[in-house]
Amino acid sequence: MPGGIYDAAAYGMTTDRIGVAEFSANNFGAWADYESFDLTNASGPDGAAVVTARGYVKENPDVSITTKYVLEAGAKHVWVNTTMENTGDTRYPANESKQLLSGLALSSEGLSTWLPGIGDNSEGRSSPGSNPALTEPWAALSGDRVTYGVWGAAGSFDVYTASTTWADPWLQHSIEAGETAQVDYAFYVGAHGGTSQLSEYYADQHGEELGTVSGTIETAAGEDVPKAEVVVNHDGEAYTYTVGTQDGEYSLKLPAGEYALQADAEGFAASDTKTVTVTAGETENVRFSSLEGPAPVNVTAMLEHDGTTERTDARITVKSESGTTLQTVYTKPIPVGQQSFRLPPGNYMLVFNHGTNYVAEPVTKNITVQPGNPVNVSATITEELDPSKRDWIGVEPHAHSGVSFDGRTPTDMFLAVQLSSGVDMAFISDHNAIGAWGSLSSQAKQRGLKLIRSEEITTGDLGHFNPYPLHGEEVIDAEGTLVEFIQESRERHNATVFQINHPGDRFVDLSGAPGQHMQYLEMIDAIEAYNGIYDPEDKNSVKGLFNLWNKGYTHIAATGVSDDHNWKAFPTKYGTARTHAYVEGDVTPEKWAHAVKDGHTYATYGPAVEFTVEEEIPGETVTTTADSSVEASATVRNVDDLAYAHVIRNGTVIANVSVDGTKDSISEQVAIEGEGDAWIAFRVVDEEGDRALTSPVWIDVEAGEAPTRTSTDTVTETGTETPAETTPTSGPGFTAAMALVALLGGALIVYRRRT
């Protein structure tokens, strides 16, 4: 997008790491629409190159933006100095209880977030007011070869949001009508591993005096430890870290003061902590010589089902004796169910997962690792549920590999990672990319599995969309309108389903395409009800679906997806959530997609649902008369104990039923009031809060005496719920266009969170 700073760092022959820094006026996504750029070249040895960009805030055109990008001679950072002027008549933001979050959003796929005072950030920190304070006003994305950093000038950085691969420093403020605000940030690029050169550079820029700490990292046997990390703590808090050389040497500069250092490396036990006093201008030597070498751990995962036991894909969580999660390992795609990795000496718990919370309970094995002694572990997981036996086929129709710009799951492991969740078919949908198709198709063929090919059409302002299955061999053009996306997906790729992704994310102004909603609402087949971990955005998605169903859009099905990008970042995991579609006979990608298109679906975080109205499944139509009633029935199976269920008519819960144990059935008579058509859906929630929602059974109200049923054609081949998810029986109070505006969520370059 114009106005962003992009840096590419080569990683091997085929991979780049891309760093992106871009000013956002009000939290991630409120970008500036720059209309002009002026360049002033540097003059003289100490001159600076300056690019001046002018435009306005997309979400509020009354706020003009002038951003100066300043690169001084010899500098490793670019200043991004932004002036915001409110030329309108009202405060920005208009809500007096709200504050702006203005700053420089920093993203990079494949790198890790480091925050001083926190260290390696493994959590999503999306609520600025509740995040712990940083000990230094900078943040970094780092790997073993490149580091991107950002910091704010005085008064420009008071809160932040962050996750595993992005960090956003913000200034909380507001701009009254006629006033201006200045926000200044620096974007740093370093060709090195760790964050130590960034912390050194930042300290030097701010006039702090530095000293040097250097030394070696060795095992207890005196062998060099290559590429070890040395983590530096100051006043009991994580400050910075450096990556050692292949020969086990390290060096870094620190401001004068007292520090605690610890060395660690993959597969090794961490060293003892060393304390050091750094004096400006002097060098201190700190040697690490106590790292204990690893031993190989060889694992085999088995699945017992239908009286047979065979190797299966599995996710293995490695925990310490105290239960702290240390790492996550997946079995190989080929040979299935096997993997070898290394652990430092110690006692561990290995938790084997296959379809955890969906089809089976995890199995735990305790092991003891001694230096150099291999450990062999086999675990058998017992399948407790298999909805596919009842023709409900589970797939997650939105998932990313490392081919996505923000993906971190290796393509050669993607198949095993996704299948370890217990889904029945694999599904791939990278951002505007199809580079994983070839490798995954070959792996699937070798294993005799089915793969559904898709591409997440990722736009700057319309949203994100998945068409599937795709049969062409070219990327779909992400420049255009929704109608053009749908037409290209179907005409060039013969796609059956066109799905709107993460609709609850954000509201999008579609006024740039007046009247288009009347075309594309009729062309959409599915909308994600559940995306990743259940949260308020999913409630908005469900509410939006109810609105559209109330408006008579009977062709739109509910789906559930994980939208996962990172095989080792939790709590979201591949397969959380997923979509079950009803397919009789042989299962193919085409038949599964047609079942979605026909509305034969339920979205779930665990519970397996069989729901009917007058014996018709979701997506079908029951014909009855006004002021009659129909029978709604459901059988629910689950790994965890069930809690309650809802029968929903036209968006309103008309029956709140307690359900018990891991299997229960209900039957309710649902009154059909008045002469208007209706729909009936079912939702169930277990004791852990995991839930499932069906697509509707449609009720056609006409003159007559008894309910009848109308089926779609069969494809042969090629507690109490939060009221935010319900709407009044009388209707949603939205036009059809606004209902989709609420759903389209999409993007404004949603490069993270729900991507």
Foldseek 3Di string as FASTA:
>chain_A
DPQKDWDWDDDPDPDIKIKIKHKAWFPPLQHWDWDDWDWDDFDDQFGKIKIWTWGAGPVDRQKIKIWIWIGTHPDQKTKTKMKIWRQDQAKVVNPPVAWGWIFMKMFIAPWFKQFAQAGTAQAWFPDFVPDDDHPDQKIWTFDAFKIKMKGWDPQQFDTWTDHTTIITGTHTHMAGHGGMDMTMMMIGIDGGGWCQVVQVSVCVVVPFFKFKEKEFAAALVRAGDAQKKKWKDDPNGTGIIHTAHGRGIDMGMDGFAKIKIKIDDFQKDIFDIDIDGGDGPYYHYDYTYHIAHKEKEKEFEWEDDPNDIDTAKKKKFKAAPVGHTDFIDIAFLPVGGIDMDIHHFHKIKIWIAALDFAFWPIDIDIDGTDGHDYHYYYDYIYGRDDCVVVQWAKEFAAAEDVVARNFDHHLRRQVSQQRSSVGQAAEYEHEQDQVSVVVVVVSCVVVVGAYAYWYWLAEQFQFTKIFIRFQADHGQDSPDDPVSSLVCRCPRGVTLAIEFFLQLAAFGDPPVPPPCCVPVLLVHQEYELAEADDDVSSLLQLQLVLQLVLVPSLQYAYFYHHNDRYCIRDDRGGPQDIKIFGAPDDDHRVQRSVSSRLQRIKIWRHKDKAKDKQNHGGSWEKEEAAFDKIKIKMKIATPAWWAWKFKDKSQHGPDIGGDTDRIDMDMDIGTHHDQDKIWIKMKTAGPVRIIMIGHTHIYHHDDDDGMDIDGDDRDDDVVDDDSSSGDDNVHRPDDSVVSVSSRNNRDVPVVDDND
